[in-house]
Amino acid sequence: MMDVKVFQEKLREITFAAKAEKREFSREKIQQFFQGEELEESQIDKIEAYLKVQTASSGEIQAEECPAAVQVKMAPLSMDEQRYLKDYEESLQWVAPPETRELEKLYQAMSAGKTQAQSRLAQLFLPEVVEIVKRLHTEEGYLGDMIQEGNVALMSALNQWRPDGEPGEWLRRRIESGICGMVSQSERQKFEDDILVEKVRKLEAAVRELTEENEEKKFSVEELSILLDMDIDEIRDILRLTGDA
């Protein structure tokens, strides 16, 4: 059985390699990379899908790249998210729309180092964050968390004011980059959780089989380690997750 820590390390290595080469890896290359590990076809499918997202969102995410990295995962809002969105959008109704040429003047003030313009720009772009999140929403990210991450990215951009091109588009790219970074991290966590769940399932099945063959014997962790060729600490960690330790 595959060691979780070994798998996580190999996953980090192949992700780094894929990002460095800026391309997806074929199933054959994935199999070669994990040679010696007991990977099922379903696990290879998950690794292939995971690397596709990671290579699409590697480096500094551009506005047109970010949606492409997550579009295949887009999901409708849950009832809880719909309620959250309604309440949040109502809370932004106090934000007055920009006056004629106000944005242009605010951009100029920011470029001149007048930080008092920062607060008003933040206000004006809070609704923009919401629109970006709705466009990039995925099943891996809770809408409220994505809005929060977008707001953090907005404030970070305003604090590091160095527009590359039109300031408004630059701010939107920075917001998208922050949100997509969170989605990517959520995807990685879900992927690793899925692998761990699969490992727990395999251990439970193996223990059940051993128990059925030896109905009167209860195996110790040490004996399971020998019979299943697994590390003792790894078995204990998994048993803790199942509540059997």
Protein backbone atom coordinates (compact mmCIF):
# COMPACT_ATOMS: atom_id res chain seq x y z
CA MET A 1 0.00 0.00 0.00
CA MET A 2 1.21 3.48 -0.85
CA ASP A 3 2.59 5.61 1.99
CA VAL A 4 0.69 8.91 2.26
CA LYS A 5 3.78 10.98 3.04
CA VAL A 6 5.69 9.44 0.11
CA PHE A 7 2.73 10.14 -2.15
CA GLN A 8 2.46 13.77 -1.02
CA GLU A 9 6.17 14.32 -1.64
CA LYS A 10 5.98 12.75 -5.11
CA LEU A 11 2.88 14.82 -5.87
CA ARG A 12 4.78 18.01 -4.95
CA GLU A 13 7.70 16.93 -7.16
CA ILE A 14 5.59 16.11 -10.23
CA THR A 15 3.56 19.32 -9.79
CA PHE A 16 6.77 21.37 -9.66
CA ALA A 17 8.08 19.57 -12.75
CA ALA A 18 4.83 20.12 -14.66
CA LYS A 19 4.76 23.81 -13.76
CA ALA A 20 8.43 24.21 -14.72
CA GLU A 21 7.75 22.67 -18.14
CA LYS A 22 4.45 24.62 -18.39
CA ARG A 23 2.57 21.63 -19.78
CA GLU A 24 0.35 18.75 -18.74
CA PHE A 25 1.91 15.33 -18.22
CA SER A 26 0.67 12.27 -20.08
CA ARG A 27 -0.68 9.24 -18.22
CA GLU A 28 2.44 7.33 -19.24
CA LYS A 29 4.71 9.94 -17.65
CA ILE A 30 2.58 9.99 -14.49
CA GLN A 31 2.84 6.20 -14.26
CA GLN A 32 6.60 6.38 -14.74
CA PHE A 33 6.91 9.07 -12.06
CA PHE A 34 4.97 6.98 -9.53
CA GLN A 35 6.65 3.73 -10.57
CA GLY A 36 6.79 1.34 -7.63
CA GLU A 37 3.63 2.74 -6.02
CA GLU A 38 0.30 0.92 -6.14
CA LEU A 39 -1.79 3.44 -8.07
CA GLU A 40 -5.21 2.51 -9.38
CA GLU A 41 -6.60 3.87 -12.64
CA SER A 42 -8.96 6.14 -10.71
CA GLN A 43 -6.02 7.62 -8.80
CA ILE A 44 -4.10 8.26 -12.02
CA ASP A 45 -7.23 9.96 -13.39
CA LYS A 46 -7.27 12.27 -10.36
CA ILE A 47 -3.55 13.08 -10.69
CA GLU A 48 -4.00 13.83 -14.40
CA ALA A 49 -6.94 16.18 -13.69
CA TYR A 50 -5.07 17.81 -10.81
CA LEU A 51 -1.98 18.52 -12.92
CA LYS A 52 -4.19 19.97 -15.66
CA VAL A 53 -5.51 22.59 -13.22
CA GLN A 54 -2.07 23.24 -11.72
CA THR A 55 -0.32 23.80 -15.05
CA ALA A 56 -3.16 26.02 -16.27
CA SER A 57 -2.87 28.22 -13.16
CA SER A 58 0.90 28.17 -12.66
CA GLY A 59 2.98 31.30 -12.37
CA GLU A 60 1.38 34.74 -12.21
CA ILE A 61 -2.18 34.18 -13.37
CA GLN A 62 -3.36 36.46 -16.12
CA ALA A 63 -6.96 37.62 -16.36
CA GLU A 64 -7.74 35.51 -19.41
CA GLU A 65 -5.98 32.42 -17.99
CA CYS A 66 -7.63 32.32 -14.60
CA PRO A 67 -11.14 31.37 -15.72
CA ALA A 68 -9.74 28.75 -18.10
CA ALA A 69 -7.96 27.11 -15.18
CA VAL A 70 -11.17 26.56 -13.24
CA GLN A 71 -14.00 26.75 -15.78
CA VAL A 72 -14.39 23.00 -16.05
CA LYS A 73 -15.10 22.92 -12.32
CA MET A 74 -17.64 25.75 -12.20
CA ALA A 75 -20.60 24.90 -9.97
CA PRO A 76 -23.94 26.50 -9.07
CA LEU A 77 -24.31 28.20 -5.70
CA SER A 78 -25.68 26.19 -2.80
CA MET A 79 -28.70 27.48 -0.89
CA ASP A 80 -26.41 28.65 1.91
CA GLU A 81 -24.19 30.47 -0.60
CA GLN A 82 -27.21 32.10 -2.22
CA ARG A 83 -28.32 33.45 1.16
CA TYR A 84 -24.79 34.63 1.91
CA LEU A 85 -24.55 36.38 -1.46
CA LYS A 86 -27.91 38.11 -1.01
CA ASP A 87 -26.94 39.43 2.45
CA TYR A 88 -23.48 40.47 1.30
CA GLU A 89 -24.70 42.33 -1.78
CA GLU A 90 -27.27 44.14 0.36
CA SER A 91 -24.47 45.17 2.71
CA LEU A 92 -22.71 46.89 -0.22
CA GLN A 93 -25.65 49.07 -1.20
CA TRP A 94 -24.13 51.97 0.74
CA VAL A 95 -21.27 52.18 -1.81
CA ALA A 96 -22.02 55.16 -4.06
CA PRO A 97 -21.24 54.62 -7.77
CA PRO A 98 -18.28 56.57 -9.16
CA GLU A 99 -18.85 60.09 -10.39
CA THR A 100 -17.73 61.23 -13.83
CA ARG A 101 -13.96 60.73 -14.21
CA GLU A 102 -13.71 59.83 -10.49
CA LEU A 103 -11.90 56.57 -11.17
CA GLU A 104 -9.38 58.29 -13.44
CA LYS A 105 -8.68 60.88 -10.74
CA LEU A 106 -8.31 58.18 -8.08
CA TYR A 107 -5.83 56.26 -10.24
CA GLN A 108 -3.80 59.43 -10.74
CA ALA A 109 -3.87 60.17 -7.02
CA MET A 110 -2.66 56.65 -6.19
CA SER A 111 0.17 56.94 -8.72
CA ALA A 112 1.13 60.24 -7.09
CA GLY A 113 1.41 58.52 -3.72
CA LYS A 114 -1.77 60.02 -2.24
CA THR A 115 -2.93 57.06 -0.17
CA GLN A 116 -6.17 58.78 0.88
CA ALA A 117 -7.53 57.63 -2.49
CA GLN A 118 -7.04 54.02 -1.45
CA SER A 119 -10.16 53.83 0.74
CA ARG A 120 -12.49 55.06 -1.99
CA LEU A 121 -10.96 52.73 -4.60
CA ALA A 122 -11.43 49.81 -2.22
CA GLN A 123 -15.10 50.73 -1.83
CA LEU A 124 -15.66 50.96 -5.57
CA PHE A 125 -14.02 47.59 -6.25
CA LEU A 126 -15.81 45.58 -3.52
CA PRO A 127 -18.75 44.91 -5.89
CA GLU A 128 -16.21 43.99 -8.61
CA VAL A 129 -14.84 41.30 -6.30
CA VAL A 130 -18.33 39.82 -5.97
CA GLU A 131 -18.83 39.71 -9.74
CA ILE A 132 -15.45 38.03 -10.27
CA VAL A 133 -16.21 35.43 -7.58
CA LYS A 134 -19.58 34.61 -9.15
CA ARG A 135 -17.83 34.06 -12.48
CA LEU A 136 -15.10 31.86 -11.00
CA HIS A 137 -17.14 29.99 -8.39
CA THR A 138 -16.28 26.29 -8.13
CA GLU A 139 -17.38 23.38 -5.98
CA GLU A 140 -13.98 23.43 -4.27
CA GLY A 141 -14.44 26.98 -2.94
CA TYR A 142 -17.11 28.34 -0.62
CA LEU A 143 -18.42 31.62 -2.02
CA GLY A 144 -17.88 33.52 1.23
CA ASP A 145 -14.26 32.39 1.48
CA MET A 146 -13.67 33.31 -2.17
CA ILE A 147 -15.06 36.81 -1.62
CA GLN A 148 -12.84 37.23 1.42
CA GLU A 149 -9.80 36.08 -0.58
CA GLY A 150 -10.72 38.47 -3.39
CA ASN A 151 -10.98 41.36 -0.92
CA VAL A 152 -7.59 40.49 0.54
CA ALA A 153 -6.10 40.44 -2.97
CA LEU A 154 -7.71 43.82 -3.69
CA MET A 155 -6.22 45.42 -0.56
CA SER A 156 -2.83 43.86 -1.28
CA ALA A 157 -2.87 45.34 -4.79
CA LEU A 158 -3.81 48.77 -3.47
CA ASN A 159 -1.01 48.58 -0.92
CA GLN A 160 1.47 47.63 -3.64
CA TRP A 161 0.27 50.04 -6.29
CA ARG A 162 2.24 49.24 -9.44
CA PRO A 163 -0.29 49.07 -12.30
CA ASP A 164 0.80 47.25 -15.42
CA GLY A 165 -1.41 48.76 -18.11
CA GLU A 166 -4.87 50.16 -17.40
CA PRO A 167 -5.21 50.38 -13.56
CA GLY A 168 -8.75 48.98 -13.40
CA GLU A 169 -7.85 45.90 -15.43
CA TRP A 170 -4.68 45.46 -13.39
CA LEU A 171 -6.73 45.45 -10.18
CA ARG A 172 -9.14 42.89 -11.64
CA ARG A 173 -6.25 40.63 -12.63
CA ARG A 174 -4.82 40.82 -9.13
CA ILE A 175 -8.21 39.96 -7.63
CA GLU A 176 -8.61 37.02 -10.02
CA SER A 177 -5.11 35.83 -9.24
CA GLY A 178 -5.82 35.76 -5.51
CA ILE A 179 -9.10 33.90 -5.96
CA CYS A 180 -7.62 31.37 -8.38
CA GLY A 181 -4.73 30.76 -6.01
CA MET A 182 -7.22 29.84 -3.32
CA VAL A 183 -9.17 27.58 -5.69
CA SER A 184 -5.92 25.85 -6.67
CA GLN A 185 -5.02 25.27 -3.01
CA SER A 186 -8.53 23.96 -2.27
CA GLU A 187 -8.24 21.61 -5.24
CA ARG A 188 -4.93 20.29 -3.91
CA GLN A 189 -6.35 19.77 -0.41
CA LYS A 190 -9.43 17.98 -1.75
CA PHE A 191 -7.22 15.81 -3.95
CA GLU A 192 -4.99 14.79 -1.02
CA ASP A 193 -8.07 14.17 1.15
CA ASP A 194 -9.51 11.90 -1.54
CA ILE A 195 -6.28 9.90 -1.63
CA LEU A 196 -6.32 9.57 2.18
CA VAL A 197 -9.97 8.47 2.17
CA GLU A 198 -9.08 5.83 -0.42
CA LYS A 199 -6.24 4.65 1.80
CA VAL A 200 -8.55 4.40 4.82
CA ARG A 201 -11.02 2.40 2.72
CA LYS A 202 -8.29 -0.02 1.65
CA LEU A 203 -7.05 -0.49 5.21
CA GLU A 204 -10.57 -1.15 6.48
CA ALA A 205 -11.13 -3.71 3.71
CA ALA A 206 -7.82 -5.43 4.46
CA VAL A 207 -8.52 -5.58 8.20
CA ARG A 208 -12.04 -6.91 7.52
CA GLU A 209 -10.63 -9.65 5.30
CA LEU A 210 -8.05 -10.64 7.89
CA THR A 211 -10.70 -10.67 10.62
CA GLU A 212 -13.03 -12.85 8.58
CA GLU A 213 -10.21 -15.34 8.02
CA ASN A 214 -9.31 -15.34 11.74
CA GLU A 215 -12.60 -14.71 13.55
CA GLU A 216 -11.19 -15.41 17.01
CA LYS A 217 -8.06 -13.27 16.65
CA LYS A 218 -7.76 -9.52 17.05
CA PHE A 219 -4.64 -8.23 15.32
CA SER A 220 -2.38 -5.68 16.98
CA VAL A 221 -1.08 -2.63 15.13
CA GLU A 222 2.33 -4.28 14.98
CA GLU A 223 0.88 -7.44 13.41
CA LEU A 224 -1.12 -5.38 10.91
CA SER A 225 2.07 -3.56 10.00
CA ILE A 226 3.76 -6.85 9.09
CA LEU A 227 0.75 -8.41 7.37
CA LEU A 228 -0.07 -5.31 5.30
CA ASP A 229 3.52 -4.12 4.79
CA MET A 230 2.72 -0.67 6.21
CA ASP A 231 4.47 1.64 8.62
CA ILE A 232 3.17 1.34 12.22
CA ASP A 233 2.74 5.10 12.64
CA GLU A 234 0.84 5.28 9.36
CA ILE A 235 -1.59 2.58 10.48
CA ARG A 236 -2.11 4.34 13.80
CA ASP A 237 -2.81 7.65 12.02
CA ILE A 238 -5.40 6.00 9.78
CA LEU A 239 -7.03 4.16 12.66
CA ARG A 240 -7.35 7.46 14.49
CA LEU A 241 -9.29 8.82 11.53
CA THR A 242 -11.67 5.87 11.64
CA GLY A 243 -12.07 6.10 15.41
CA ASP A 244 -10.61 2.63 15.95
CA ALA A 245 -7.39 3.71 17.71
